């Protein structure tokens, strides 16, 4: 029996379907993989690339900008501030954004600005990873 995944952002349902496994990164917990029968979990998501092995064997990748994951009764709910499917990522655009974020990080003045610039860099890296361009 497969896992049913729903990945949603405030704007829309980003992806929904049945998968054999889900691999993602949690805040403070590192990478975790969910398979059928996994014990219930509620965890904060890091900015990362989520990899889902579909039941047809294909790999679905989505970049997420933080959020939460809930696993229970072979259902995985991913609530993210932002989610982008791999096929929607333009690597050239994201690389340009990454360059701008690196420049912003070099000139930060306070800790809040530094955290935002570091998160922006992680977001660009997650998108490139999801698209297979990093």
N, C-alpha and C. Protein backbone atom coordinates (compact mmCIF):
# COMPACT_ATOMS: atom_id res chain seq x y z
N UNK A 1 0.84 -1.19 0.00
CA UNK A 1 0.00 0.00 0.00
C UNK A 1 0.89 1.25 0.00
N UNK A 2 0.63 2.20 -0.87
CA UNK A 2 1.49 3.38 -0.97
C UNK A 2 1.17 4.44 0.09
N UNK A 3 2.06 5.41 0.18
CA UNK A 3 1.82 6.60 0.99
C UNK A 3 1.07 7.60 0.11
N UNK A 4 0.12 8.30 0.69
CA UNK A 4 -0.53 9.38 -0.06
C UNK A 4 0.07 10.70 0.43
N UNK A 5 0.58 11.50 -0.51
CA UNK A 5 1.25 12.76 -0.19
C UNK A 5 0.42 13.94 -0.69
N UNK A 6 0.32 14.95 0.16
CA UNK A 6 -0.23 16.24 -0.24
C UNK A 6 0.78 17.30 0.20
N UNK A 7 1.25 18.08 -0.77
CA UNK A 7 2.19 19.16 -0.50
C UNK A 7 1.49 20.46 -0.86
N UNK A 8 1.25 21.28 0.15
CA UNK A 8 0.50 22.52 -0.06
C UNK A 8 1.28 23.74 0.42
N UNK A 9 1.04 24.85 -0.27
CA UNK A 9 1.57 26.14 0.14
C UNK A 9 0.36 27.05 0.38
N UNK A 10 0.57 28.24 0.92
CA UNK A 10 -0.58 29.13 1.13
C UNK A 10 -1.34 29.45 -0.17
N UNK A 11 -0.63 29.40 -1.30
CA UNK A 11 -1.25 29.76 -2.57
C UNK A 11 -2.01 28.62 -3.23
N UNK A 12 -1.52 27.37 -3.07
CA UNK A 12 -2.11 26.29 -3.87
C UNK A 12 -1.67 24.92 -3.38
N UNK A 13 -2.34 23.91 -3.93
CA UNK A 13 -1.88 22.53 -3.80
C UNK A 13 -0.73 22.39 -4.78
N UNK A 14 0.47 22.14 -4.28
CA UNK A 14 1.66 22.07 -5.13
C UNK A 14 1.77 20.70 -5.80
N UNK A 15 1.53 19.64 -5.02
CA UNK A 15 1.62 18.29 -5.57
C UNK A 15 0.82 17.34 -4.70
N UNK A 16 0.19 16.36 -5.33
CA UNK A 16 -0.56 15.35 -4.61
C UNK A 16 -0.46 14.05 -5.38
N UNK A 17 -0.27 12.94 -4.66
CA UNK A 17 -0.23 11.65 -5.33
C UNK A 17 0.23 10.55 -4.40
N UNK A 18 0.31 9.35 -4.96
CA UNK A 18 0.74 8.18 -4.20
C UNK A 18 2.20 7.89 -4.50
N UNK A 19 2.94 7.58 -3.44
CA UNK A 19 4.38 7.33 -3.56
C UNK A 19 4.78 6.13 -2.71
N UNK A 20 5.96 5.60 -3.03
CA UNK A 20 6.53 4.53 -2.22
C UNK A 20 7.37 5.08 -1.07
N UNK A 21 7.97 6.29 -1.28
CA UNK A 21 8.80 6.88 -0.24
C UNK A 21 8.89 8.39 -0.41
N UNK A 22 9.20 9.06 0.71
CA UNK A 22 9.41 10.50 0.74
C UNK A 22 10.70 10.75 1.51
N UNK A 23 11.60 11.54 0.92
CA UNK A 23 12.86 11.91 1.56
C UNK A 23 12.90 13.42 1.67
N UNK A 24 13.13 13.93 2.89
CA UNK A 24 13.19 15.37 3.10
C UNK A 24 14.11 15.67 4.28
N UNK A 25 14.29 16.96 4.57
CA UNK A 25 15.17 17.37 5.67
C UNK A 25 14.37 18.15 6.71
N UNK A 26 14.51 17.74 7.96
CA UNK A 26 13.84 18.43 9.06
C UNK A 26 14.82 19.35 9.77
N UNK A 27 14.27 20.36 10.44
CA UNK A 27 15.09 21.28 11.21
C UNK A 27 15.64 20.53 12.42
N UNK A 28 16.92 20.50 12.57
CA UNK A 28 17.54 19.86 13.72
C UNK A 28 17.56 18.35 13.69
N UNK A 29 16.86 17.73 12.75
CA UNK A 29 16.80 16.27 12.71
C UNK A 29 17.49 15.67 11.51
N UNK A 30 17.87 16.50 10.57
CA UNK A 30 18.55 16.00 9.38
C UNK A 30 17.59 15.35 8.40
N UNK A 31 18.15 14.57 7.49
CA UNK A 31 17.36 13.89 6.47
C UNK A 31 16.56 12.75 7.08
N UNK A 32 15.33 12.59 6.60
CA UNK A 32 14.48 11.50 7.07
C UNK A 32 13.68 10.98 5.88
N UNK A 33 13.53 9.66 5.85
CA UNK A 33 12.76 9.03 4.78
C UNK A 33 11.53 8.37 5.39
N UNK A 34 10.40 8.57 4.74
CA UNK A 34 9.15 7.96 5.18
C UNK A 34 8.74 6.87 4.21
N UNK A 35 8.40 5.71 4.75
CA UNK A 35 7.90 4.58 3.99
C UNK A 35 6.55 4.18 4.56
N UNK A 36 5.85 3.32 3.87
CA UNK A 36 4.57 2.80 4.35
C UNK A 36 4.74 2.24 5.77
N UNK A 37 3.78 2.55 6.63
CA UNK A 37 3.82 2.03 8.00
C UNK A 37 4.67 2.84 8.95
N UNK A 38 5.19 3.99 8.53
CA UNK A 38 6.04 4.81 9.40
C UNK A 38 5.24 5.26 10.62
N UNK A 39 5.92 5.34 11.75
CA UNK A 39 5.27 5.84 12.96
C UNK A 39 4.87 7.30 12.75
N UNK A 40 3.86 7.77 13.47
CA UNK A 40 3.44 9.16 13.31
C UNK A 40 4.57 10.14 13.63
N UNK A 41 4.63 11.20 12.82
CA UNK A 41 5.66 12.23 12.97
C UNK A 41 5.03 13.59 12.72
N UNK A 42 5.45 14.57 13.49
CA UNK A 42 5.17 15.97 13.22
C UNK A 42 6.48 16.69 13.40
N UNK A 43 6.99 17.33 12.34
CA UNK A 43 8.31 17.95 12.41
C UNK A 43 8.35 19.23 11.58
N UNK A 44 9.24 20.12 11.99
CA UNK A 44 9.49 21.34 11.22
C UNK A 44 10.41 21.01 10.05
N UNK A 45 10.07 21.54 8.89
CA UNK A 45 10.87 21.31 7.68
C UNK A 45 11.94 22.37 7.53
N UNK A 46 13.09 21.94 7.08
CA UNK A 46 14.14 22.87 6.70
C UNK A 46 13.87 23.31 5.26
N UNK A 47 14.56 24.31 4.79
CA UNK A 47 14.53 24.66 3.37
C UNK A 47 15.27 23.53 2.67
N UNK A 48 14.59 22.82 1.76
CA UNK A 48 15.21 21.63 1.17
C UNK A 48 14.52 21.21 -0.12
N UNK A 49 15.08 20.19 -0.72
CA UNK A 49 14.47 19.53 -1.86
C UNK A 49 13.82 18.25 -1.34
N UNK A 50 12.52 18.10 -1.59
CA UNK A 50 11.79 16.90 -1.19
C UNK A 50 11.81 15.93 -2.37
N UNK A 51 12.21 14.68 -2.12
CA UNK A 51 12.24 13.67 -3.17
C UNK A 51 11.20 12.61 -2.86
N UNK A 52 10.33 12.37 -3.84
CA UNK A 52 9.27 11.39 -3.67
C UNK A 52 9.38 10.35 -4.78
N UNK A 53 9.51 9.09 -4.39
CA UNK A 53 9.55 8.01 -5.38
C UNK A 53 8.12 7.57 -5.62
N UNK A 54 7.62 7.90 -6.81
CA UNK A 54 6.24 7.57 -7.15
C UNK A 54 6.07 6.07 -7.30
N UNK A 55 4.82 5.62 -7.24
CA UNK A 55 4.53 4.18 -7.35
C UNK A 55 4.87 3.63 -8.74
N UNK A 56 4.99 4.51 -9.75
CA UNK A 56 5.39 4.06 -11.08
C UNK A 56 6.91 4.05 -11.25
N UNK A 57 7.65 4.33 -10.15
CA UNK A 57 9.10 4.29 -10.17
C UNK A 57 9.78 5.60 -10.49
N UNK A 58 9.03 6.59 -10.98
CA UNK A 58 9.62 7.88 -11.30
C UNK A 58 9.86 8.69 -10.03
N UNK A 59 10.83 9.59 -10.10
CA UNK A 59 11.18 10.44 -8.96
C UNK A 59 10.59 11.83 -9.16
N UNK A 60 9.85 12.29 -8.19
CA UNK A 60 9.25 13.63 -8.22
C UNK A 60 10.02 14.47 -7.21
N UNK A 61 10.48 15.66 -7.64
CA UNK A 61 11.22 16.54 -6.74
C UNK A 61 10.53 17.89 -6.64
N UNK A 62 10.50 18.40 -5.41
CA UNK A 62 9.89 19.69 -5.13
C UNK A 62 10.78 20.45 -4.15
N UNK A 63 11.09 21.70 -4.46
CA UNK A 63 11.82 22.54 -3.51
C UNK A 63 10.81 23.16 -2.56
N UNK A 64 11.10 23.11 -1.27
CA UNK A 64 10.21 23.71 -0.27
C UNK A 64 10.99 24.71 0.58
N UNK A 65 10.29 25.78 0.94
CA UNK A 65 10.92 26.83 1.75
C UNK A 65 10.40 26.73 3.18
N UNK A 66 10.86 25.68 3.86
CA UNK A 66 10.46 25.47 5.25
C UNK A 66 9.02 24.99 5.36
N UNK A 67 8.54 24.94 6.59
CA UNK A 67 7.17 24.51 6.85
C UNK A 67 7.13 23.37 7.84
N UNK A 68 6.14 22.48 7.64
CA UNK A 68 5.95 21.34 8.54
C UNK A 68 5.58 20.09 7.76
N UNK A 69 5.92 18.94 8.32
CA UNK A 69 5.51 17.67 7.74
C UNK A 69 4.79 16.88 8.83
N UNK A 70 3.67 16.28 8.45
CA UNK A 70 2.92 15.41 9.35
C UNK A 70 2.75 14.07 8.66
N UNK A 71 3.11 13.00 9.37
CA UNK A 71 2.96 11.65 8.84
C UNK A 71 2.08 10.87 9.80
N UNK A 72 1.03 10.24 9.24
CA UNK A 72 0.13 9.45 10.06
C UNK A 72 -0.73 8.58 9.15
N UNK A 73 -0.86 7.31 9.51
CA UNK A 73 -1.72 6.38 8.76
C UNK A 73 -1.44 6.37 7.26
N UNK A 74 -0.17 6.30 6.90
CA UNK A 74 0.28 6.25 5.50
C UNK A 74 -0.14 7.47 4.70
N UNK A 75 -0.28 8.59 5.39
CA UNK A 75 -0.54 9.87 4.72
C UNK A 75 0.56 10.84 5.14
N UNK A 76 1.09 11.56 4.16
CA UNK A 76 2.13 12.55 4.42
C UNK A 76 1.59 13.91 3.98
N UNK A 77 1.49 14.83 4.93
CA UNK A 77 1.04 16.18 4.62
C UNK A 77 2.22 17.12 4.81
N UNK A 78 2.56 17.82 3.76
CA UNK A 78 3.66 18.78 3.81
C UNK A 78 3.06 20.17 3.61
N UNK A 79 3.21 21.00 4.63
CA UNK A 79 2.73 22.38 4.58
C UNK A 79 3.96 23.27 4.50
N UNK A 80 4.10 24.00 3.40
CA UNK A 80 5.30 24.79 3.19
C UNK A 80 4.97 26.23 2.86
N UNK A 81 5.84 27.13 3.28
CA UNK A 81 5.67 28.54 2.96
C UNK A 81 5.69 28.76 1.45
N UNK A 82 6.48 27.96 0.76
CA UNK A 82 6.60 28.05 -0.69
C UNK A 82 7.04 26.71 -1.23
N UNK A 83 6.49 26.28 -2.35
CA UNK A 83 6.87 25.03 -2.98
C UNK A 83 6.95 25.19 -4.48
N UNK A 84 8.02 24.65 -5.08
CA UNK A 84 8.22 24.77 -6.53
C UNK A 84 8.57 23.39 -7.07
N UNK A 85 7.79 22.92 -8.05
CA UNK A 85 8.10 21.66 -8.73
C UNK A 85 9.39 21.79 -9.51
N UNK A 86 10.15 20.70 -9.59
CA UNK A 86 11.43 20.72 -10.29
C UNK A 86 11.31 21.26 -11.71
N UNK A 87 10.26 20.85 -12.42
CA UNK A 87 10.11 21.27 -13.81
C UNK A 87 9.76 22.75 -13.96
N UNK A 88 9.40 23.41 -12.87
CA UNK A 88 9.10 24.84 -12.91
C UNK A 88 10.33 25.70 -12.61
N UNK A 89 11.43 25.08 -12.24
CA UNK A 89 12.65 25.81 -11.90
C UNK A 89 13.43 26.13 -13.17
N UNK A 90 13.78 27.40 -13.34
CA UNK A 90 14.68 27.80 -14.43
C UNK A 90 16.07 27.98 -13.80
N UNK A 91 16.98 27.02 -14.02
CA UNK A 91 18.28 27.08 -13.36
C UNK A 91 19.05 28.38 -13.61
N UNK A 92 18.95 28.94 -14.81
CA UNK A 92 19.67 30.18 -15.10
C UNK A 92 19.15 31.34 -14.27
N UNK A 93 17.84 31.43 -14.13
CA UNK A 93 17.24 32.48 -13.31
C UNK A 93 17.64 32.30 -11.85
N UNK A 94 17.55 31.07 -11.35
CA UNK A 94 17.87 30.80 -9.95
C UNK A 94 19.35 31.05 -9.67
N UNK A 95 20.22 30.71 -10.60
CA UNK A 95 21.66 31.00 -10.40
C UNK A 95 21.89 32.51 -10.29
N UNK A 96 21.18 33.29 -11.10
CA UNK A 96 21.28 34.75 -11.00
C UNK A 96 20.80 35.25 -9.65
N UNK A 97 19.70 34.69 -9.18
CA UNK A 97 19.17 35.07 -7.86
C UNK A 97 20.15 34.68 -6.76
N UNK A 98 20.81 33.52 -6.94
CA UNK A 98 21.79 33.08 -5.95
C UNK A 98 22.97 34.05 -5.89
N UNK A 99 23.42 34.51 -7.05
CA UNK A 99 24.52 35.48 -7.10
C UNK A 99 24.13 36.76 -6.37
N UNK A 100 22.90 37.22 -6.58
CA UNK A 100 22.41 38.42 -5.88
C UNK A 100 22.35 38.18 -4.37
N UNK A 101 21.92 37.00 -3.96
CA UNK A 101 21.84 36.67 -2.53
C UNK A 101 23.23 36.60 -1.90
N UNK A 102 24.20 36.07 -2.64
CA UNK A 102 25.58 36.03 -2.13
C UNK A 102 26.12 37.44 -1.93
N UNK A 103 25.81 38.34 -2.87
CA UNK A 103 26.24 39.74 -2.74
C UNK A 103 25.55 40.39 -1.54
N UNK A 104 24.27 40.11 -1.35
CA UNK A 104 23.54 40.67 -0.22
C UNK A 104 24.13 40.17 1.10
N UNK A 105 24.50 38.89 1.15
CA UNK A 105 25.08 38.33 2.36
C UNK A 105 26.41 39.01 2.69
N UNK A 106 27.18 39.36 1.67
CA UNK A 106 28.48 39.99 1.88
C UNK A 106 28.36 41.38 2.49
N UNK A 107 27.21 42.03 2.34
CA UNK A 107 27.08 43.40 2.84
C UNK A 107 26.06 43.55 3.98
N UNK A 108 25.67 42.45 4.61
CA UNK A 108 24.69 42.53 5.70
C UNK A 108 25.26 43.29 6.89
N UNK A 109 24.35 43.96 7.60
CA UNK A 109 24.75 44.77 8.74
C UNK A 109 24.31 44.19 10.08
N UNK A 110 23.25 43.41 10.06
CA UNK A 110 22.77 42.86 11.33
C UNK A 110 22.38 41.39 11.18
N UNK A 111 22.09 40.78 12.30
CA UNK A 111 21.82 39.34 12.34
C UNK A 111 20.54 38.96 11.60
N UNK A 112 19.52 39.78 11.66
CA UNK A 112 18.27 39.50 10.95
C UNK A 112 18.49 39.49 9.43
N UNK A 113 19.24 40.47 8.94
CA UNK A 113 19.57 40.51 7.51
C UNK A 113 20.41 39.30 7.11
N UNK A 114 21.34 38.92 7.98
CA UNK A 114 22.19 37.76 7.70
C UNK A 114 21.35 36.48 7.59
N UNK A 115 20.40 36.29 8.51
CA UNK A 115 19.54 35.10 8.49
C UNK A 115 18.71 35.06 7.21
N UNK A 116 18.16 36.20 6.80
CA UNK A 116 17.36 36.24 5.58
C UNK A 116 18.22 35.92 4.36
N UNK A 117 19.41 36.48 4.29
CA UNK A 117 20.30 36.21 3.15
C UNK A 117 20.72 34.74 3.13
N UNK A 118 21.01 34.16 4.30
CA UNK A 118 21.37 32.74 4.35
C UNK A 118 20.19 31.86 3.93
N UNK A 119 18.98 32.21 4.37
CA UNK A 119 17.80 31.46 3.96
C UNK A 119 17.57 31.57 2.46
N UNK A 120 17.79 32.76 1.90
CA UNK A 120 17.66 32.93 0.45
C UNK A 120 18.64 32.02 -0.29
N UNK A 121 19.88 31.95 0.20
CA UNK A 121 20.88 31.06 -0.43
C UNK A 121 20.45 29.60 -0.34
N UNK A 122 19.93 29.18 0.81
CA UNK A 122 19.45 27.80 0.96
C UNK A 122 18.29 27.53 0.01
N UNK A 123 17.41 28.51 -0.16
CA UNK A 123 16.26 28.36 -1.05
C UNK A 123 16.71 28.18 -2.50
N UNK A 124 17.68 28.98 -2.92
CA UNK A 124 18.18 28.85 -4.29
C UNK A 124 18.86 27.49 -4.48
N UNK A 125 19.62 27.04 -3.48
CA UNK A 125 20.28 25.73 -3.57
C UNK A 125 19.24 24.61 -3.63
N UNK A 126 18.16 24.72 -2.85
CA UNK A 126 17.11 23.69 -2.85
C UNK A 126 16.43 23.61 -4.22
N UNK A 127 16.18 24.76 -4.83
CA UNK A 127 15.57 24.77 -6.16
C UNK A 127 16.49 24.12 -7.19
N UNK A 128 17.77 24.46 -7.14
CA UNK A 128 18.72 23.88 -8.10
C UNK A 128 18.86 22.38 -7.89
N UNK A 129 18.87 21.94 -6.63
CA UNK A 129 18.94 20.51 -6.33
C UNK A 129 17.71 19.78 -6.86
N UNK A 130 16.55 20.37 -6.65
CA UNK A 130 15.30 19.76 -7.13
C UNK A 130 15.32 19.62 -8.65
N UNK A 131 15.87 20.63 -9.32
CA UNK A 131 15.91 20.62 -10.79
C UNK A 131 17.05 19.78 -11.34
N UNK A 132 17.90 19.24 -10.45
CA UNK A 132 19.04 18.44 -10.91
C UNK A 132 20.13 19.29 -11.51
N UNK A 133 20.17 20.57 -11.14
CA UNK A 133 21.15 21.51 -11.71
C UNK A 133 22.23 21.88 -10.71
N UNK A 134 22.30 21.19 -9.60
CA UNK A 134 23.29 21.50 -8.55
C UNK A 134 23.90 20.22 -8.04
